[in-house]
Amino acid sequence: MKDVKLYAISVASPEEHVQIQNTFEVGSFEFLTDHDYEFGDRFGFIDFNEGTIERGYVGVNPASQNMIVEVDYEVGDNINTVLRHMDEL
């Protein structure tokens, strides 16, 4: 995978993201805060009726616009599968 950019997006504050980066080995990717829950709602990571937030990922190939969305998915436990999916995009 060439020129891949990885972003972590969550409802946590920027300060909480710094704490996560300092506590866990999460690699060198940028954390973004979903202040208004727009990203989570759009891609199905947040269920307002149930009051739940799920883990998962969204992968996009900017050249082809192909996309994959996995909700309720532990990326860290399945990183090789995620990377394979990214190659297939």
Protein backbone atom coordinates (compact mmCIF):
# COMPACT_ATOMS: atom_id res chain seq x y z
CA MET A 1 0.00 0.00 0.00
CA LYS A 2 1.63 3.13 -1.22
CA ASP A 3 0.90 6.63 0.09
CA VAL A 4 -1.69 5.43 2.60
CA LYS A 5 -2.83 7.84 5.29
CA LEU A 6 -4.42 6.52 8.45
CA TYR A 7 -6.57 8.59 10.80
CA ALA A 8 -8.20 7.60 14.06
CA ILE A 9 -11.57 9.28 14.52
CA SER A 10 -13.46 9.19 17.80
CA VAL A 11 -15.67 11.25 20.05
CA ALA A 12 -12.77 11.64 22.50
CA SER A 13 -11.33 15.11 22.96
CA PRO A 14 -7.94 16.09 21.51
CA GLU A 15 -6.53 15.98 25.05
CA GLU A 16 -7.81 12.41 25.50
CA HIS A 17 -6.21 11.46 22.17
CA VAL A 18 -2.84 12.70 23.40
CA GLN A 19 -3.26 10.58 26.51
CA ILE A 20 -4.12 7.52 24.37
CA GLN A 21 -1.09 8.10 22.14
CA ASN A 22 1.16 8.44 25.19
CA THR A 23 -0.26 5.37 26.94
CA PHE A 24 -0.59 2.85 24.10
CA GLU A 25 1.54 2.00 21.08
CA VAL A 26 -0.86 3.23 18.40
CA GLY A 27 1.60 4.08 15.67
CA SER A 28 2.15 7.38 13.98
CA PHE A 29 -1.27 8.33 12.71
CA GLU A 30 -3.34 11.39 13.35
CA PHE A 31 -6.31 11.43 15.73
CA LEU A 32 -9.39 13.46 14.78
CA THR A 33 -12.31 14.30 17.07
CA ASP A 34 -15.87 13.75 15.85
CA HIS A 35 -17.26 16.69 17.87
CA ASP A 36 -20.81 16.55 16.56
CA TYR A 37 -20.96 12.77 15.98
CA GLU A 38 -21.44 13.41 12.24
CA PHE A 39 -18.85 10.90 11.03
CA GLY A 40 -19.99 8.21 13.47
CA ASP A 41 -23.63 8.72 12.56
CA ARG A 42 -23.02 8.79 8.81
CA PHE A 43 -21.09 5.51 8.77
CA GLY A 44 -23.11 3.63 11.40
CA PHE A 45 -20.67 3.72 14.29
CA ILE A 46 -23.12 5.52 16.56
CA ASP A 47 -26.63 4.32 17.38
CA PHE A 48 -28.42 7.22 19.03
CA ASN A 49 -31.49 5.10 19.87
CA GLU A 50 -29.39 2.56 21.76
CA GLY A 51 -26.88 5.12 23.04
CA THR A 52 -23.94 3.08 21.77
CA ILE A 53 -20.69 3.78 19.93
CA GLU A 54 -19.03 0.93 18.01
CA ARG A 55 -15.43 0.48 16.91
CA GLY A 56 -14.54 -0.16 13.31
CA TYR A 57 -13.01 1.47 10.28
CA VAL A 58 -13.70 3.14 6.96
CA GLY A 59 -11.24 2.62 4.11
CA VAL A 60 -11.34 4.71 0.95
CA ASN A 61 -9.34 4.63 -2.26
CA PRO A 62 -9.37 8.27 -3.40
CA ALA A 63 -8.53 7.35 -7.00
CA SER A 64 -11.40 4.91 -7.51
CA GLN A 65 -13.75 6.14 -4.74
CA ASN A 66 -14.14 2.49 -3.64
CA MET A 67 -14.94 2.24 0.05
CA ILE A 68 -15.24 -0.36 2.78
CA VAL A 69 -16.96 0.16 6.15
CA GLU A 70 -16.64 -2.34 9.00
CA VAL A 71 -18.66 -1.62 12.16
CA ASP A 72 -18.28 -3.49 15.46
CA TYR A 73 -14.82 -4.54 14.34
CA GLU A 74 -11.55 -4.64 16.28
CA VAL A 75 -8.98 -3.28 13.83
CA GLY A 76 -6.01 -4.04 16.05
CA ASP A 77 -6.97 -7.71 16.35
CA ASN A 78 -7.50 -8.00 12.60
CA ILE A 79 -4.87 -5.68 11.14
CA ASN A 80 -3.69 -8.12 8.46
CA THR A 81 -7.25 -8.52 7.18
CA VAL A 82 -7.74 -4.75 7.20
CA LEU A 83 -4.52 -4.24 5.24
CA ARG A 84 -5.62 -6.87 2.72
CA HIS A 85 -8.94 -5.05 2.29
CA MET A 86 -7.08 -1.79 1.73
CA ASP A 87 -4.98 -3.43 -0.99
CA GLU A 88 -8.17 -4.69 -2.65
CA LEU A 89 -9.67 -1.20 -2.83
